[in-house]
Amino acid sequence: ADTCTNEGRDERFQKALDTIVRPGDRARHGIG
């Protein structure tokens, strides 16, 4: 990750979260 992206930590984390858990799924039990 250090070599493949220069994005900030928080922005990179938010992108990862949105990739795995879509916003609509968080309100429902669409996890796991």
Full PDB file with SEQRES, HELIX, SHEET, SSBOND, CRYST1, ORIGX, SCALE, CONECT and MASTER records, all heavy atoms in Angstrom:
SEQRES   1 A   32  ALA ASP THR CYS THR ASN GLU GLY ARG ASP GLU ARG PHE          
SEQRES   2 A   32  GLN LYS ALA LEU ASP THR ILE VAL ARG PRO GLY ASP ARG          
SEQRES   3 A   32  ALA ARG HIS GLY ILE GLY                                      
HELIX    1 AA1 ARG A    9  ILE A   20  1                                  12    
HELIX    2 AA2 PRO A   23  ALA A   27  1                                   5    
CRYST1    1.000    1.000    1.000  90.00  90.00  90.00 P 1           1          
ORIGX1      1.000000  0.000000  0.000000        0.00000                         
ORIGX2      0.000000  1.000000  0.000000        0.00000                         
ORIGX3      0.000000  0.000000  1.000000        0.00000                         
SCALE1      1.000000  0.000000  0.000000        0.00000                         
SCALE2      0.000000  1.000000  0.000000        0.00000                         
SCALE3      0.000000  0.000000  1.000000        0.00000                         
ATOM      1  N   ALA A   1       0.823  -1.201   0.000  1.00  0.00           N  
ATOM      2  CA  ALA A   1       0.000   0.000   0.000  1.00  0.00           C  
ATOM      3  C   ALA A   1       0.858   1.252   0.000  1.00  0.00           C  
ATOM      4  O   ALA A   1       0.504   2.268  -0.591  1.00  0.00           O  
ATOM      5  CB  ALA A   1      -0.926  -0.006   1.205  1.00  0.00           C  
ATOM      6  N   ASP A   2       2.016   1.198   0.669  1.00  0.00           N  
ATOM      7  CA  ASP A   2       2.894   2.361   0.727  1.00  0.00           C  
ATOM      8  C   ASP A   2       3.435   2.720  -0.642  1.00  0.00           C  
ATOM      9  O   ASP A   2       3.691   3.888  -0.941  1.00  0.00           O  
ATOM     10  CB  ASP A   2       4.066   2.098   1.681  1.00  0.00           C  
ATOM     11  CG  ASP A   2       3.611   1.967   3.121  1.00  0.00           C  
ATOM     12  OD1 ASP A   2       2.685   2.693   3.522  1.00  0.00           O  
ATOM     13  OD2 ASP A   2       4.185   1.137   3.820  1.00  0.00           O  
ATOM     14  N   THR A   3       3.629   1.739  -1.493  1.00  0.00           N  
ATOM     15  CA  THR A   3       4.227   1.995  -2.790  1.00  0.00           C  
ATOM     16  C   THR A   3       3.188   2.172  -3.889  1.00  0.00           C  
ATOM     17  O   THR A   3       3.465   2.774  -4.909  1.00  0.00           O  
ATOM     18  CB  THR A   3       5.161   0.840  -3.188  1.00  0.00           C  
ATOM     19  OG1 THR A   3       4.405  -0.367  -3.261  1.00  0.00           O  
ATOM     20  CG2 THR A   3       6.270   0.677  -2.179  1.00  0.00           C  
ATOM     21  N   CYS A   4       1.974   1.639  -3.676  1.00  0.00           N  
ATOM     22  CA  CYS A   4       0.985   1.643  -4.743  1.00  0.00           C  
ATOM     23  C   CYS A   4       0.014   2.812  -4.658  1.00  0.00           C  
ATOM     24  O   CYS A   4      -0.807   2.981  -5.552  1.00  0.00           O  
ATOM     25  CB  CYS A   4       0.197   0.322  -4.718  1.00  0.00           C  
ATOM     26  SG  CYS A   4       1.221  -1.109  -5.105  1.00  0.00           S  
ATOM     27  N   THR A   5       0.011   3.595  -3.612  1.00  0.00           N  
ATOM     28  CA  THR A   5      -0.902   4.715  -3.492  1.00  0.00           C  
ATOM     29  C   THR A   5      -0.309   5.787  -2.601  1.00  0.00           C  
ATOM     30  O   THR A   5       0.402   5.494  -1.649  1.00  0.00           O  
ATOM     31  CB  THR A   5      -2.264   4.266  -2.926  1.00  0.00           C  
ATOM     32  OG1 THR A   5      -3.096   5.428  -2.777  1.00  0.00           O  
ATOM     33  CG2 THR A   5      -2.124   3.590  -1.592  1.00  0.00           C  
ATOM     34  N   ASN A   6      -0.610   7.041  -2.927  1.00  0.00           N  
ATOM     35  CA  ASN A   6      -0.170   8.165  -2.122  1.00  0.00           C  
ATOM     36  C   ASN A   6      -1.335   8.825  -1.398  1.00  0.00           C  
ATOM     37  O   ASN A   6      -1.198   9.922  -0.853  1.00  0.00           O  
ATOM     38  CB  ASN A   6       0.534   9.208  -3.017  1.00  0.00           C  
ATOM     39  CG  ASN A   6       1.850   8.686  -3.564  1.00  0.00           C  
ATOM     40  OD1 ASN A   6       2.601   8.031  -2.855  1.00  0.00           O  
ATOM     41  ND2 ASN A   6       2.113   8.957  -4.828  1.00  0.00           N  
ATOM     42  N   GLU A   7      -2.489   8.177  -1.423  1.00  0.00           N  
ATOM     43  CA  GLU A   7      -3.668   8.741  -0.775  1.00  0.00           C  
ATOM     44  C   GLU A   7      -3.476   8.781   0.740  1.00  0.00           C  
ATOM     45  O   GLU A   7      -2.751   7.992   1.326  1.00  0.00           O  
ATOM     46  CB  GLU A   7      -4.900   7.902  -1.108  1.00  0.00           C  
ATOM     47  CG  GLU A   7      -5.252   7.911  -2.589  1.00  0.00           C  
ATOM     48  CD  GLU A   7      -6.342   6.909  -2.903  1.00  0.00           C  
ATOM     49  OE1 GLU A   7      -6.785   6.228  -1.963  1.00  0.00           O  
ATOM     50  OE2 GLU A   7      -6.725   6.820  -4.065  1.00  0.00           O  
ATOM     51  N   GLY A   8      -4.184   9.691   1.377  1.00  0.00           N  
ATOM     52  CA  GLY A   8      -4.136   9.788   2.828  1.00  0.00           C  
ATOM     53  C   GLY A   8      -4.745   8.571   3.486  1.00  0.00           C  
ATOM     54  O   GLY A   8      -5.574   7.868   2.888  1.00  0.00           O  
ATOM     55  N   ARG A   9      -4.353   8.354   4.724  1.00  0.00           N  
ATOM     56  CA  ARG A   9      -4.806   7.171   5.463  1.00  0.00           C  
ATOM     57  C   ARG A   9      -6.326   7.094   5.564  1.00  0.00           C  
ATOM     58  O   ARG A   9      -6.931   6.066   5.266  1.00  0.00           O  
ATOM     59  CB  ARG A   9      -4.200   7.200   6.868  1.00  0.00           C  
ATOM     60  CG  ARG A   9      -4.523   5.993   7.721  1.00  0.00           C  
ATOM     61  CD  ARG A   9      -4.142   6.256   9.164  1.00  0.00           C  
ATOM     62  NE  ARG A   9      -5.107   7.151   9.793  1.00  0.00           N  
ATOM     63  CZ  ARG A   9      -4.981   7.614  11.036  1.00  0.00           C  
ATOM     64  NH1 ARG A   9      -3.921   7.294  11.742  1.00  0.00           N  
ATOM     65  NH2 ARG A   9      -5.901   8.399  11.546  1.00  0.00           N  
ATOM     66  N   ASP A  10      -6.962   8.190   5.985  1.00  0.00           N  
ATOM     67  CA  ASP A  10      -8.404   8.162   6.199  1.00  0.00           C  
ATOM     68  C   ASP A  10      -9.162   7.985   4.891  1.00  0.00           C  
ATOM     69  O   ASP A  10     -10.152   7.256   4.836  1.00  0.00           O  
ATOM     70  CB  ASP A  10      -8.858   9.435   6.908  1.00  0.00           C  
ATOM     71  CG  ASP A  10      -8.308   9.535   8.323  1.00  0.00           C  
ATOM     72  OD1 ASP A  10      -7.901   8.485   8.865  1.00  0.00           O  
ATOM     73  OD2 ASP A  10      -8.270  10.646   8.871  1.00  0.00           O  
ATOM     74  N   GLU A  11      -8.704   8.644   3.854  1.00  0.00           N  
ATOM     75  CA  GLU A  11      -9.364   8.517   2.555  1.00  0.00           C  
ATOM     76  C   GLU A  11      -9.217   7.105   2.019  1.00  0.00           C  
ATOM     77  O   GLU A  11     -10.157   6.525   1.470  1.00  0.00           O  
ATOM     78  CB  GLU A  11      -8.781   9.526   1.571  1.00  0.00           C  
ATOM     79  CG  GLU A  11      -9.459   9.496   0.198  1.00  0.00           C  
ATOM     80  CD  GLU A  11      -8.855  10.484  -0.776  1.00  0.00           C  
ATOM     81  OE1 GLU A  11      -7.969  11.272  -0.357  1.00  0.00           O  
ATOM     82  OE2 GLU A  11      -9.246  10.458  -1.960  1.00  0.00           O  
ATOM     83  N   ARG A  12      -8.028   6.536   2.189  1.00  0.00           N  
ATOM     84  CA  ARG A  12      -7.791   5.171   1.717  1.00  0.00           C  
ATOM     85  C   ARG A  12      -8.665   4.177   2.478  1.00  0.00           C  
ATOM     86  O   ARG A  12      -9.220   3.235   1.898  1.00  0.00           O  
ATOM     87  CB  ARG A  12      -6.309   4.822   1.870  1.00  0.00           C  
ATOM     88  CG  ARG A  12      -5.879   3.623   1.035  1.00  0.00           C  
ATOM     89  CD  ARG A  12      -4.385   3.467   1.009  1.00  0.00           C  
ATOM     90  NE  ARG A  12      -3.892   2.734   2.145  1.00  0.00           N  
ATOM     91  CZ  ARG A  12      -2.946   3.166   2.968  1.00  0.00           C  
ATOM     92  NH1 ARG A  12      -2.415   4.359   2.792  1.00  0.00           N  
ATOM     93  NH2 ARG A  12      -2.532   2.430   3.978  1.00  0.00           N  
ATOM     94  N   PHE A  13      -8.806   4.410   3.788  1.00  0.00           N  
ATOM     95  CA  PHE A  13      -9.642   3.518   4.588  1.00  0.00           C  
ATOM     96  C   PHE A  13     -11.103   3.624   4.162  1.00  0.00           C  
ATOM     97  O   PHE A  13     -11.793   2.609   4.041  1.00  0.00           O  
ATOM     98  CB  PHE A  13      -9.508   3.853   6.071  1.00  0.00           C  
ATOM     99  CG  PHE A  13     -10.469   3.088   6.941  1.00  0.00           C  
ATOM    100  CD1 PHE A  13     -10.239   1.762   7.248  1.00  0.00           C  
ATOM    101  CD2 PHE A  13     -11.629   3.690   7.412  1.00  0.00           C  
ATOM    102  CE1 PHE A  13     -11.136   1.041   8.020  1.00  0.00           C  
ATOM    103  CE2 PHE A  13     -12.528   2.978   8.184  1.00  0.00           C  
ATOM    104  CZ  PHE A  13     -12.285   1.658   8.494  1.00  0.00           C  
ATOM    105  N   GLN A  14     -11.593   4.851   3.943  1.00  0.00           N  
ATOM    106  CA  GLN A  14     -12.982   5.025   3.547  1.00  0.00           C  
ATOM    107  C   GLN A  14     -13.262   4.359   2.214  1.00  0.00           C  
ATOM    108  O   GLN A  14     -14.320   3.752   2.011  1.00  0.00           O  
ATOM    109  CB  GLN A  14     -13.326   6.514   3.474  1.00  0.00           C  
ATOM    110  CG  GLN A  14     -14.824   6.792   3.337  1.00  0.00           C  
ATOM    111  CD  GLN A  14     -15.622   6.234   4.502  1.00  0.00           C  
ATOM    112  OE1 GLN A  14     -15.276   6.460   5.669  1.00  0.00           O  
ATOM    113  NE2 GLN A  14     -16.677   5.492   4.189  1.00  0.00           N  
ATOM    114  N   LYS A  15     -12.321   4.432   1.296  1.00  0.00           N  
ATOM    115  CA  LYS A  15     -12.493   3.762   0.005  1.00  0.00           C  
ATOM    116  C   LYS A  15     -12.567   2.250   0.188  1.00  0.00           C  
ATOM    117  O   LYS A  15     -13.378   1.568  -0.451  1.00  0.00           O  
ATOM    118  CB  LYS A  15     -11.348   4.129  -0.943  1.00  0.00           C  
ATOM    119  CG  LYS A  15     -11.483   5.502  -1.573  1.00  0.00           C  
ATOM    120  CD  LYS A  15     -10.427   5.695  -2.662  1.00  0.00           C  
ATOM    121  CE  LYS A  15     -10.638   7.010  -3.395  1.00  0.00           C  
ATOM    122  NZ  LYS A  15      -9.675   7.203  -4.508  1.00  0.00           N  
ATOM    123  N   ALA A  16     -11.709   1.727   1.061  1.00  0.00           N  
ATOM    124  CA  ALA A  16     -11.730   0.281   1.316  1.00  0.00           C  
ATOM    125  C   ALA A  16     -13.054  -0.131   1.940  1.00  0.00           C  
ATOM    126  O   ALA A  16     -13.637  -1.157   1.566  1.00  0.00           O  
ATOM    127  CB  ALA A  16     -10.563  -0.094   2.229  1.00  0.00           C  
ATOM    128  N   LEU A  17     -13.538   0.667   2.889  1.00  0.00           N  
ATOM    129  CA  LEU A  17     -14.806   0.361   3.555  1.00  0.00           C  
ATOM    130  C   LEU A  17     -15.957   0.387   2.565  1.00  0.00           C  
ATOM    131  O   LEU A  17     -16.808  -0.513   2.554  1.00  0.00           O  
ATOM    132  CB  LEU A  17     -15.040   1.361   4.688  1.00  0.00           C  
ATOM    133  CG  LEU A  17     -16.273   1.138   5.562  1.00  0.00           C  
ATOM    134  CD1 LEU A  17     -16.194  -0.211   6.267  1.00  0.00           C  
ATOM    135  CD2 LEU A  17     -16.421   2.264   6.571  1.00  0.00           C  
ATOM    136  N   ASP A  18     -16.000   1.403   1.701  1.00  0.00           N  
ATOM    137  CA  ASP A  18     -17.077   1.507   0.724  1.00  0.00           C  
ATOM    138  C   ASP A  18     -17.015   0.389  -0.307  1.00  0.00           C  
ATOM    139  O   ASP A  18     -18.046  -0.015  -0.854  1.00  0.00           O  
ATOM    140  CB  ASP A  18     -17.011   2.862   0.013  1.00  0.00           C  
ATOM    141  CG  ASP A  18     -17.368   4.022   0.935  1.00  0.00           C  
ATOM    142  OD1 ASP A  18     -17.990   3.768   1.988  1.00  0.00           O  
ATOM    143  OD2 ASP A  18     -17.008   5.168   0.606  1.00  0.00           O  
ATOM    144  N   THR A  19     -15.812  -0.128  -0.574  1.00  0.00           N  
ATOM    145  CA  THR A  19     -15.672  -1.233  -1.522  1.00  0.00           C  
ATOM    146  C   THR A  19     -16.260  -2.524  -0.972  1.00  0.00           C  
ATOM    147  O   THR A  19     -16.906  -3.293  -1.690  1.00  0.00           O  
ATOM    148  CB  THR A  19     -14.184  -1.461  -1.864  1.00  0.00           C  
ATOM    149  OG1 THR A  19     -13.660  -0.292  -2.492  1.00  0.00           O  
ATOM    150  CG2 THR A  19     -14.015  -2.654  -2.789  1.00  0.00           C  
ATOM    151  N   ILE A  20     -16.045  -2.760   0.324  1.00  0.00           N  
ATOM    152  CA  ILE A  20     -16.472  -4.021   0.938  1.00  0.00           C  
ATOM    153  C   ILE A  20     -17.888  -3.952   1.481  1.00  0.00           C  
ATOM    154  O   ILE A  20     -18.680  -4.881   1.324  1.00  0.00           O  
ATOM    155  CB  ILE A  20     -15.497  -4.421   2.069  1.00  0.00           C  
ATOM    156  CG1 ILE A  20     -14.066  -4.506   1.532  1.00  0.00           C  
ATOM    157  CG2 ILE A  20     -15.916  -5.747   2.696  1.00  0.00           C  
ATOM    158  CD1 ILE A  20     -13.880  -5.478   0.388  1.00  0.00           C  
ATOM    159  N   VAL A  21     -18.219  -2.837   2.142  1.00  0.00           N  
ATOM    160  CA  VAL A  21     -19.542  -2.683   2.752  1.00  0.00           C  
ATOM    161  C   VAL A  21     -20.218  -1.486   2.106  1.00  0.00           C  
ATOM    162  O   VAL A  21     -19.900  -0.342   2.424  1.00  0.00           O  
ATOM    163  CB  VAL A  21     -19.447  -2.469   4.276  1.00  0.00           C  
ATOM    164  CG1 VAL A  21     -20.836  -2.414   4.898  1.00  0.00           C  
ATOM    165  CG2 VAL A  21     -18.618  -3.563   4.918  1.00  0.00           C  
ATOM    166  N   ARG A  22     -21.135  -1.728   1.206  1.00  0.00           N  
ATOM    167  CA  ARG A  22     -21.820  -0.628   0.538  1.00  0.00           C  
ATOM    168  C   ARG A  22     -22.714   0.104   1.532  1.00  0.00           C  
ATOM    169  O   ARG A  22     -23.316  -0.521   2.402  1.00  0.00           O  
ATOM    170  CB  ARG A  22     -22.634  -1.149  -0.637  1.00  0.00           C  
ATOM    171  CG  ARG A  22     -21.756  -1.670  -1.774  1.00  0.00           C  
ATOM    172  CD  ARG A  22     -22.587  -2.144  -2.955  1.00  0.00           C  
ATOM    173  NE  ARG A  22     -21.711  -2.456  -4.076  1.00  0.00           N  
ATOM    174  CZ  ARG A  22     -21.090  -3.606  -4.236  1.00  0.00           C  
ATOM    175  NH1 ARG A  22     -21.229  -4.552  -3.334  1.00  0.00           N  
ATOM    176  NH2 ARG A  22     -20.313  -3.815  -5.286  1.00  0.00           N  
ATOM    177  N   PRO A  23     -22.825   1.426   1.400  1.00  0.00           N  
ATOM    178  CA  PRO A  23     -23.586   2.221   2.376  1.00  0.00           C  
ATOM    179  C   PRO A  23     -24.984   1.699   2.653  1.00  0.00           C  
ATOM    180  O   PRO A  23     -25.429   1.682   3.793  1.00  0.00           O  
ATOM    181  CB  PRO A  23     -23.624   3.612   1.729  1.00  0.00           C  
ATOM    182  CG  PRO A  23     -22.378   3.672   0.909  1.00  0.00           C  
ATOM    183  CD  PRO A  23     -22.185   2.281   0.370  1.00  0.00           C  
ATOM    184  N   GLY A  24     -25.690   1.224   1.635  1.00  0.00           N  
ATOM    185  CA  GLY A  24     -27.041   0.732   1.862  1.00  0.00           C  
ATOM    186  C   GLY A  24     -27.086  -0.525   2.696  1.00  0.00           C  
ATOM    187  O   GLY A  24     -28.066  -0.794   3.389  1.00  0.00           O  
ATOM    188  N   ASP A  25     -26.010  -1.316   2.638  1.00  0.00           N  
ATOM    189  CA  ASP A  25     -25.979  -2.574   3.375  1.00  0.00           C  
ATOM    190  C   ASP A  25     -25.779  -2.356   4.868  1.00  0.00           C  
ATOM    191  O   ASP A  25     -26.086  -3.225   5.668  1.00  0.00           O  
ATOM    192  CB  ASP A  25     -24.858  -3.474   2.846  1.00  0.00           C  
ATOM    193  CG  ASP A  25     -25.180  -4.026   1.463  1.00  0.00           C  
ATOM    194  OD1 ASP A  25     -26.370  -4.056   1.127  1.00  0.00           O  
ATOM    195  OD2 ASP A  25     -24.247  -4.399   0.748  1.00  0.00           O  
ATOM    196  N   ARG A  26     -25.218  -1.216   5.246  1.00  0.00           N  
ATOM    197  CA  ARG A  26     -24.927  -1.001   6.661  1.00  0.00           C  
ATOM    198  C   ARG A  26     -26.205  -0.831   7.473  1.00  0.00           C  
ATOM    199  O   ARG A  26     -26.253  -1.161   8.645  1.00  0.00           O  
ATOM    200  CB  ARG A  26     -24.025   0.225   6.832  1.00  0.00           C  
ATOM    201  CG  ARG A  26     -22.662   0.048   6.195  1.00  0.00           C  
ATOM    202  CD  ARG A  26     -21.841   1.292   6.377  1.00  0.00           C  
ATOM    203  NE  ARG A  26     -20.932   1.435   5.237  1.00  0.00           N  
ATOM    204  CZ  ARG A  26     -20.201   2.495   5.009  1.00  0.00           C  
ATOM    205  NH1 ARG A  26     -20.265   3.519   5.832  1.00  0.00           N  
ATOM    206  NH2 ARG A  26     -19.416   2.563   3.970  1.00  0.00           N  
ATOM    207  N   ALA A  27     -27.238  -0.280   6.846  1.00  0.00           N  
ATOM    208  CA  ALA A  27     -28.503  -0.098   7.546  1.00  0.00           C  
ATOM    209  C   ALA A  27     -29.233  -1.429   7.692  1.00  0.00           C  
ATOM    210  O   ALA A  27     -29.993  -1.640   8.633  1.00  0.00           O  
ATOM    211  CB  ALA A  27     -29.384   0.898   6.810  1.00  0.00           C  
ATOM    212  N   ARG A  28     -29.004  -2.332   6.733  1.00  0.00           N  
ATOM    213  CA  ARG A  28     -29.585  -3.665   6.839  1.00  0.00           C  
ATOM    214  C   ARG A  28     -28.509  -4.585   7.394  1.00  0.00           C  
ATOM    215  O   ARG A  28     -27.393  -4.174   7.667  1.00  0.00           O  
ATOM    216  CB  ARG A  28     -30.042  -4.145   5.454  1.00  0.00           C  
ATOM    217  CG  ARG A  28     -31.000  -3.186   4.763  1.00  0.00           C  
ATOM    218  CD  ARG A  28     -31.550  -3.817   3.492  1.00  0.00           C  
ATOM    219  NE  ARG A  28     -30.498  -4.160   2.565  1.00  0.00           N  
ATOM    220  CZ  ARG A  28     -30.012  -3.308   1.665  1.00  0.00           C  
ATOM    221  NH1 ARG A  28     -30.441  -2.062   1.610  1.00  0.00           N  
ATOM    222  NH2 ARG A  28     -29.070  -3.694   0.813  1.00  0.00           N  
ATOM    223  N   HIS A  29     -28.866  -5.852   7.558  1.00  0.00           N  
ATOM    224  CA  HIS A  29     -27.848  -6.792   8.041  1.00  0.00           C  
ATOM    225  C   HIS A  29     -27.222  -7.492   6.848  1.00  0.00           C  
ATOM    226  O   HIS A  29     -27.280  -8.715   6.705  1.00  0.00           O  
ATOM    227  CB  HIS A  29     -28.462  -7.784   9.009  1.00  0.00           C  
ATOM    228  CG  HIS A  29     -27.423  -8.602   9.719  1.00  0.00           C  
ATOM    229  ND1 HIS A  29     -26.318  -8.033  10.297  1.00  0.00           N  
ATOM    230  CD2 HIS A  29     -27.313  -9.928   9.905  1.00  0.00           C  
ATOM    231  CE1 HIS A  29     -25.570  -8.986  10.830  1.00  0.00           C  
ATOM    232  NE2 HIS A  29     -26.144 -10.142  10.599  1.00  0.00           N  
ATOM    233  N   GLY A  30     -26.607  -6.684   5.951  1.00  0.00           N  
ATOM    234  CA  GLY A  30     -26.000  -7.243   4.750  1.00  0.00           C  
ATOM    235  C   GLY A  30     -24.517  -7.463   4.927  1.00  0.00           C  
ATOM    236  O   GLY A  30     -23.749  -7.271   4.004  1.00  0.00           O  
ATOM    237  N   ILE A  31     -24.102  -7.829   6.122  1.00  0.00           N  
ATOM    238  CA  ILE A  31     -22.680  -8.003   6.393  1.00  0.00           C  
ATOM    239  C   ILE A  31     -22.383  -9.465   6.642  1.00  0.00           C  
ATOM    240  O   ILE A  31     -23.269 -10.259   6.942  1.00  0.00           O  
ATOM    241  CB  ILE A  31     -22.248  -7.175   7.617  1.00  0.00           C  
ATOM    242  CG1 ILE A  31     -23.050  -7.638   8.830  1.00  0.00           C  
ATOM    243  CG2 ILE A  31     -22.435  -5.701   7.384  1.00  0.00           C  
ATOM    244  CD1 ILE A  31     -22.514  -7.109  10.127  1.00  0.00           C  
ATOM    245  N   GLY A  32     -21.124  -9.794   6.532  1.00  0.00           N  
ATOM    246  CA  GLY A  32     -20.697 -11.135   6.886  1.00  0.00           C  
ATOM    247  C   GLY A  32     -21.237 -12.220   5.975  1.00  0.00           C  
ATOM    248  O   GLY A  32     -21.123 -13.394   6.280  1.00  0.00           O  
TER     249      GLY A  32                                                      
MASTER        0    0    0    2    0    0    0    6  248    1    0    3          
END                                                                             
